[in-house]
Every structure is written in C-alpha cells, then in structure tokens.
Amino acid sequence: DSGRGVRVCVRKRPIFSHEIEQGEFDAITCLDGRLVVHDARMHPDMVKLFMNHHDFAFDDTFGESANNAEVYEGTARQLVLDALEGKQGTVMMYGQTGSGKTYTMRSIYEQ
C-alpha cells in the first residue's frame, strides 16, 4: 500500500495487573481491522448497568498478544524499505501517557 497517503493502525496494550486489582475491566477488543470500545453505563434507574459497544474501523489493529515483529511488519516495514529507495514516509505515535508509544517505537528502531 505504499501508494496510499495515510494508514491508521492501532496497537492495544494489555491490561495491567494493578488495573485489575483496582476493579478496572478490559474495555477494548481488537478484531481484524476493527476496534470495539465497551462502554459501561448506568441505567436511568441507577440500579442496573448496561454496555454500549462502539465499533471503529482502522487499516490494521494489533491486540495485546501481538508481538513487536508483527507490529513492525504491519506498520513501519514498508516505509523503511521505501526510505531505502529514496522515498519519504513518517511514522507517528499518538496516545495517552503510559499507553506504550515508546515501547512500540523502540522496537521499530531495533528492527
């Protein structure tokens, strides 16, 4: 897909044990090219909870079990090969503090 302008990919980090201990739950599911956000809400009666599921499409998604080599292969590899041929490209990371941007970027440099 080197002819395309922009690809948007998502990498999900695993839920941390301290988050589980604090009663948090895994609110994201990565599927093939899709990410589903599970949004817990309080029913208007203020007694029952219900879940909303918001589905988002991406060029590629990487779940918590994806290793660094898979993420590199699916995101940056073609850009690196194109750069070796004199073409231009950019990899940009965006996300909340502690979401794994540096961890992912460091692995790309190691490839």
C-alpha atoms as a PDB file:
ATOM      1  CA  ASP A   1       0.000   0.000   0.000  1.00  0.00           C
ATOM      2  CA  SER A   2       2.919   2.403  -0.495  1.00  0.00           C
ATOM      3  CA  GLY A   3       0.763   4.392  -2.938  1.00  0.00           C
ATOM      4  CA  ARG A   4      -1.714   5.341  -0.222  1.00  0.00           C
ATOM      5  CA  GLY A   5      -1.429   8.613   1.655  1.00  0.00           C
ATOM      6  CA  VAL A   6      -2.167   7.717   5.273  1.00  0.00           C
ATOM      7  CA  ARG A   7      -2.667   4.416   7.093  1.00  0.00           C
ATOM      8  CA  VAL A   8      -4.110   4.390  10.589  1.00  0.00           C
ATOM      9  CA  CYS A   9      -3.289   1.405  12.793  1.00  0.00           C
ATOM     10  CA  VAL A  10      -3.988   0.677  16.452  1.00  0.00           C
ATOM     11  CA  ARG A  11      -1.983  -1.314  18.959  1.00  0.00           C
ATOM     12  CA  LYS A  12      -3.697  -2.271  22.189  1.00  0.00           C
ATOM     13  CA  ARG A  13      -1.636  -2.743  25.307  1.00  0.00           C
ATOM     14  CA  PRO A  14      -2.565  -5.473  27.794  1.00  0.00           C
ATOM     15  CA  ILE A  15      -4.471  -4.507  30.917  1.00  0.00           C
ATOM     16  CA  PHE A  16      -2.066  -4.197  33.856  1.00  0.00           C
ATOM     17  CA  SER A  17      -2.490  -6.327  36.980  1.00  0.00           C
ATOM     18  CA  HIS A  18      -2.806  -3.209  39.165  1.00  0.00           C
ATOM     19  CA  GLU A  19      -5.722  -2.083  36.981  1.00  0.00           C
ATOM     20  CA  ILE A  20      -7.495  -5.396  37.547  1.00  0.00           C
ATOM     21  CA  GLU A  21      -6.780  -5.143  41.291  1.00  0.00           C
ATOM     22  CA  GLN A  22      -8.435  -1.710  41.275  1.00  0.00           C
ATOM     23  CA  GLY A  23     -11.591  -3.191  39.730  1.00  0.00           C
ATOM     24  CA  GLU A  24     -10.967  -1.973  36.187  1.00  0.00           C
ATOM     25  CA  PHE A  25     -12.066  -4.083  33.242  1.00  0.00           C
ATOM     26  CA  ASP A  26     -10.748  -4.543  29.728  1.00  0.00           C
ATOM     27  CA  ALA A  27     -12.759  -2.024  27.719  1.00  0.00           C
ATOM     28  CA  ILE A  28     -11.242  -2.665  24.264  1.00  0.00           C
ATOM     29  CA  THR A  29     -11.433  -5.609  21.880  1.00  0.00           C
ATOM     30  CA  CYS A  30      -9.254  -5.718  18.757  1.00  0.00           C
ATOM     31  CA  LEU A  31     -10.676  -7.574  15.782  1.00  0.00           C
ATOM     32  CA  ASP A  32      -9.403  -7.777  12.207  1.00  0.00           C
ATOM     33  CA  GLY A  33      -9.192  -4.109  11.156  1.00  0.00           C
ATOM     34  CA  ARG A  34     -11.678  -3.098  13.859  1.00  0.00           C
ATOM     35  CA  LEU A  35     -11.566  -1.918  17.425  1.00  0.00           C
ATOM     36  CA  VAL A  36     -14.575  -2.197  19.724  1.00  0.00           C
ATOM     37  CA  VAL A  37     -14.866   0.002  22.807  1.00  0.00           C
ATOM     38  CA  HIS A  38     -17.054  -1.469  25.540  1.00  0.00           C
ATOM     39  CA  ASP A  39     -18.639   1.402  27.417  1.00  0.00           C
ATOM     40  CA  ALA A  40     -20.284   0.537  30.770  1.00  0.00           C
ATOM     41  CA  ARG A  41     -23.211   2.814  31.577  1.00  0.00           C
ATOM     42  CA  MET A  42     -25.660   3.178  34.410  1.00  0.00           C
ATOM     43  CA  HIS A  43     -29.309   2.578  33.567  1.00  0.00           C
ATOM     44  CA  PRO A  44     -31.580   5.577  34.335  1.00  0.00           C
ATOM     45  CA  ASP A  45     -32.993   3.634  37.312  1.00  0.00           C
ATOM     46  CA  MET A  46     -29.490   3.963  38.876  1.00  0.00           C
ATOM     47  CA  VAL A  47     -29.568   0.239  39.741  1.00  0.00           C
ATOM     48  CA  LYS A  48     -28.622  -1.674  36.597  1.00  0.00           C
ATOM     49  CA  LEU A  49     -25.548  -1.346  34.431  1.00  0.00           C
ATOM     50  CA  PHE A  50     -25.592  -1.882  30.677  1.00  0.00           C
ATOM     51  CA  MET A  51     -22.924  -1.953  27.979  1.00  0.00           C
ATOM     52  CA  ASN A  52     -22.666   0.077  24.817  1.00  0.00           C
ATOM     53  CA  HIS A  53     -20.326  -1.228  22.129  1.00  0.00           C
ATOM     54  CA  HIS A  54     -18.732   1.296  19.775  1.00  0.00           C
ATOM     55  CA  ASP A  55     -17.126  -0.130  16.655  1.00  0.00           C
ATOM     56  CA  PHE A  56     -14.296   1.697  14.838  1.00  0.00           C
ATOM     57  CA  ALA A  57     -12.606   0.676  11.567  1.00  0.00           C
ATOM     58  CA  PHE A  58      -8.833   1.006  11.035  1.00  0.00           C
ATOM     59  CA  ASP A  59      -6.378  -0.086   8.378  1.00  0.00           C
ATOM     60  CA  ASP A  60      -4.991  -2.605  10.878  1.00  0.00           C
ATOM     61  CA  THR A  61      -5.332  -3.449  14.557  1.00  0.00           C
ATOM     62  CA  PHE A  62      -2.931  -5.265  16.847  1.00  0.00           C
ATOM     63  CA  GLY A  63      -4.285  -6.841  20.021  1.00  0.00           C
ATOM     64  CA  GLU A  64      -2.419  -7.298  23.281  1.00  0.00           C
ATOM     65  CA  SER A  65      -0.975 -10.614  22.084  1.00  0.00           C
ATOM     66  CA  ALA A  66       0.726  -9.059  19.015  1.00  0.00           C
ATOM     67  CA  ASN A  67       4.494  -9.011  19.314  1.00  0.00           C
ATOM     68  CA  ASN A  68       6.795  -6.217  18.179  1.00  0.00           C
ATOM     69  CA  ALA A  69       7.822  -8.015  14.985  1.00  0.00           C
ATOM     70  CA  GLU A  70       4.176  -8.320  13.905  1.00  0.00           C
ATOM     71  CA  VAL A  71       3.524  -4.647  14.596  1.00  0.00           C
ATOM     72  CA  TYR A  72       6.661  -3.626  12.678  1.00  0.00           C
ATOM     73  CA  GLU A  73       5.737  -5.857   9.730  1.00  0.00           C
ATOM     74  CA  GLY A  74       2.211  -4.464   9.582  1.00  0.00           C
ATOM     75  CA  THR A  75       3.092  -0.798  10.036  1.00  0.00           C
ATOM     76  CA  ALA A  76       6.619   0.511   9.507  1.00  0.00           C
ATOM     77  CA  ARG A  77       8.420  -2.106   7.407  1.00  0.00           C
ATOM     78  CA  GLN A  78       7.184  -0.874   4.034  1.00  0.00           C
ATOM     79  CA  LEU A  79       8.009   2.723   4.971  1.00  0.00           C
ATOM     80  CA  VAL A  80      11.562   1.709   5.875  1.00  0.00           C
ATOM     81  CA  LEU A  81      12.002  -0.184   2.603  1.00  0.00           C
ATOM     82  CA  ASP A  82      10.614   2.778   0.664  1.00  0.00           C
ATOM     83  CA  ALA A  83      13.002   5.140   2.507  1.00  0.00           C
ATOM     84  CA  LEU A  84      15.927   2.967   1.406  1.00  0.00           C
ATOM     85  CA  GLU A  85      14.817   3.670  -2.170  1.00  0.00           C
ATOM     86  CA  GLY A  86      14.790   7.432  -1.550  1.00  0.00           C
ATOM     87  CA  LYS A  87      11.068   7.796  -0.869  1.00  0.00           C
ATOM     88  CA  GLN A  88       9.622   9.627   2.107  1.00  0.00           C
ATOM     89  CA  GLY A  89       7.429   8.444   4.931  1.00  0.00           C
ATOM     90  CA  THR A  90       6.533   9.179   8.527  1.00  0.00           C
ATOM     91  CA  VAL A  91       5.555   7.011  11.472  1.00  0.00           C
ATOM     92  CA  MET A  92       3.617   8.925  14.103  1.00  0.00           C
ATOM     93  CA  MET A  93       2.609   7.632  17.518  1.00  0.00           C
ATOM     94  CA  TYR A  94      -0.327   9.104  19.378  1.00  0.00           C
ATOM     95  CA  GLY A  95      -1.809   8.052  22.676  1.00  0.00           C
ATOM     96  CA  GLN A  96      -2.247   8.557  26.366  1.00  0.00           C
ATOM     97  CA  THR A  97       0.751   8.585  28.700  1.00  0.00           C
ATOM     98  CA  GLY A  98       1.654   5.017  29.600  1.00  0.00           C
ATOM     99  CA  SER A  99      -0.100   3.517  26.580  1.00  0.00           C
ATOM    100  CA  GLY A 100       3.079   2.030  25.059  1.00  0.00           C
ATOM    101  CA  LYS A 101       4.198   4.537  22.405  1.00  0.00           C
ATOM    102  CA  THR A 102       7.872   4.498  23.441  1.00  0.00           C
ATOM    103  CA  TYR A 103       7.848   0.722  23.843  1.00  0.00           C
ATOM    104  CA  THR A 104       6.490   0.283  20.320  1.00  0.00           C
ATOM    105  CA  MET A 105       8.745   2.916  18.739  1.00  0.00           C
ATOM    106  CA  ARG A 106      11.856   1.463  20.391  1.00  0.00           C
ATOM    107  CA  SER A 107      11.046  -1.929  18.889  1.00  0.00           C
ATOM    108  CA  ILE A 108      10.705  -0.374  15.432  1.00  0.00           C
ATOM    109  CA  TYR A 109      14.214   1.084  15.728  1.00  0.00           C
ATOM    110  CA  GLU A 110      15.532  -2.328  16.789  1.00  0.00           C
ATOM    111  CA  GLN A 111      14.147  -3.955  13.629  1.00  0.00           C
END
